[in-house]
Amino acid sequence: MLFEQREVNPYAEPVPVNELEVSGVYFSVTFCDREMLIPAMETLVYVGRDLESGDVAQFYFQDIDSYQRGVQYGSVSEDEQATFYIYPEEELSHVFDYERALDILMVCSMRRRGLPVE
């Protein structure tokens, strides 16, 4: 099997906040080590901005599992489990669309194989 050839940027390209879509699926990609060889990836759903009184530039995401079960922010009952993440705008550098998350993982793969990443 041959995967499509593509140009991959060596730097992260997070989703611009003005492109986030409510109910859109995004990917949090972080690393467990300084060398950036051990990625941690989580699928998130964007549920909105400034959902609580007093919020200023706060972006809300939900874990994909609870979202697919129909759990909604603000209406979680005691017997339901859901994880919500609230990030200020300046801390969204780890949230990507699918293609950009794939780029991050491809660069990680190159680093793991000792290939130059520039």
Protein backbone atom coordinates (compact mmCIF):
# COMPACT_ATOMS: atom_id res chain seq x y z
CA MET A 1 0.00 0.00 0.00
CA LEU A 2 1.32 3.45 -0.86
CA PHE A 3 0.12 6.46 1.06
CA GLU A 4 -0.15 9.78 -0.76
CA GLN A 5 3.00 11.85 -0.86
CA ARG A 6 2.60 15.24 0.79
CA GLU A 7 4.54 18.22 2.03
CA VAL A 8 4.57 18.31 5.84
CA ASN A 9 5.39 21.43 7.80
CA PRO A 10 7.82 20.84 10.68
CA TYR A 11 5.80 23.19 12.88
CA ALA A 12 2.32 22.87 14.36
CA GLU A 13 -0.64 24.53 12.68
CA PRO A 14 -3.48 24.62 15.22
CA VAL A 15 -7.02 25.43 14.18
CA PRO A 16 -7.58 29.21 14.07
CA VAL A 17 -10.28 30.13 16.61
CA ASN A 18 -12.37 31.76 13.88
CA GLU A 19 -12.54 28.40 12.09
CA LEU A 20 -13.80 26.35 15.05
CA GLU A 21 -17.28 24.99 14.35
CA VAL A 22 -19.71 23.94 17.07
CA SER A 23 -20.10 20.13 16.94
CA GLY A 24 -16.91 19.95 14.87
CA VAL A 25 -14.46 17.16 15.64
CA TYR A 26 -10.90 18.18 16.51
CA PHE A 27 -7.80 16.50 17.86
CA SER A 28 -5.68 17.42 20.84
CA VAL A 29 -2.07 16.41 20.21
CA THR A 30 0.43 16.79 23.01
CA PHE A 31 3.69 15.06 23.86
CA CYS A 32 4.69 13.13 26.96
CA ASP A 33 8.38 13.90 26.61
CA ARG A 34 10.67 16.84 25.81
CA GLU A 35 12.05 15.16 22.70
CA MET A 36 8.52 15.02 21.28
CA LEU A 37 8.76 11.30 20.53
CA ILE A 38 5.75 10.09 22.54
CA PRO A 39 2.51 11.68 21.33
CA ALA A 40 -0.77 11.67 23.21
CA MET A 41 -3.86 12.26 21.07
CA GLU A 42 -7.47 12.76 22.09
CA THR A 43 -10.55 13.32 19.95
CA LEU A 44 -12.59 16.33 21.05
CA VAL A 45 -15.80 18.03 19.97
CA TYR A 46 -16.03 21.80 20.07
CA VAL A 47 -19.15 22.76 22.04
CA GLY A 48 -18.88 26.54 22.13
CA ARG A 49 -17.25 29.70 23.37
CA ASP A 50 -17.92 31.61 26.59
CA LEU A 51 -20.64 29.26 27.82
CA GLU A 52 -20.57 30.50 31.41
CA SER A 53 -21.38 33.94 32.75
CA GLY A 54 -18.24 36.04 32.96
CA ASP A 55 -16.29 34.00 30.43
CA VAL A 56 -13.98 35.92 28.12
CA ALA A 57 -12.42 34.03 25.20
CA GLN A 58 -12.95 30.61 26.83
CA PHE A 59 -13.32 27.69 24.41
CA TYR A 60 -15.19 24.55 25.47
CA PHE A 61 -14.50 21.05 24.19
CA GLN A 62 -16.00 17.69 25.13
CA ASP A 63 -14.68 14.14 24.93
CA ILE A 64 -15.97 12.30 21.85
CA ASP A 65 -17.42 9.37 23.81
CA SER A 66 -19.86 11.39 25.91
CA TYR A 67 -20.72 13.61 22.94
CA GLN A 68 -21.69 10.56 20.87
CA ARG A 69 -23.86 9.35 23.77
CA GLY A 70 -25.78 12.62 23.57
CA VAL A 71 -24.46 14.25 26.74
CA GLN A 72 -24.60 18.03 26.45
CA TYR A 73 -22.78 20.74 28.34
CA GLY A 74 -24.95 22.11 31.15
CA SER A 75 -27.26 19.11 31.27
CA VAL A 76 -25.07 16.32 32.61
CA SER A 77 -26.92 14.22 35.16
CA GLU A 78 -25.23 12.49 38.10
CA ASP A 79 -25.29 9.08 36.40
CA GLU A 80 -23.71 10.35 33.17
CA GLN A 81 -20.01 10.74 32.70
CA ALA A 82 -18.52 13.40 30.48
CA THR A 83 -15.27 15.30 30.31
CA PHE A 84 -15.25 18.95 29.32
CA TYR A 85 -12.14 20.99 28.67
CA ILE A 86 -12.07 24.76 28.90
CA TYR A 87 -9.15 26.51 27.24
CA PRO A 88 -8.41 30.22 27.04
CA GLU A 89 -7.67 31.36 23.51
CA GLU A 90 -3.91 31.53 24.10
CA GLU A 91 -3.84 27.84 25.11
CA LEU A 92 -5.34 26.32 21.95
CA SER A 93 -2.00 25.56 20.30
CA HIS A 94 -2.56 21.79 20.73
CA VAL A 95 -5.97 21.61 18.98
CA PHE A 96 -5.91 20.58 15.32
CA ASP A 97 -8.16 19.50 12.50
CA TYR A 98 -7.57 15.96 11.25
CA GLU A 99 -5.04 16.76 8.52
CA ARG A 100 -2.89 19.01 10.74
CA ALA A 101 -2.96 16.39 13.54
CA LEU A 102 -1.79 13.83 11.01
CA ASP A 103 1.05 16.19 10.03
CA ILE A 104 2.16 16.40 13.68
CA LEU A 105 2.19 12.61 13.95
CA MET A 106 4.11 12.26 10.68
CA VAL A 107 6.78 14.69 11.91
CA CYS A 108 6.92 12.71 15.15
CA SER A 109 7.44 9.53 13.12
CA MET A 110 10.33 11.18 11.29
CA ARG A 111 11.93 12.25 14.59
CA ARG A 112 11.51 8.72 15.98
CA ARG A 113 13.39 7.34 12.94
CA GLY A 114 16.15 9.90 13.36
CA LEU A 115 15.34 11.73 10.13
CA PRO A 116 16.01 15.47 9.90
CA VAL A 117 12.99 17.65 10.64
CA GLU A 118 13.32 21.24 9.50
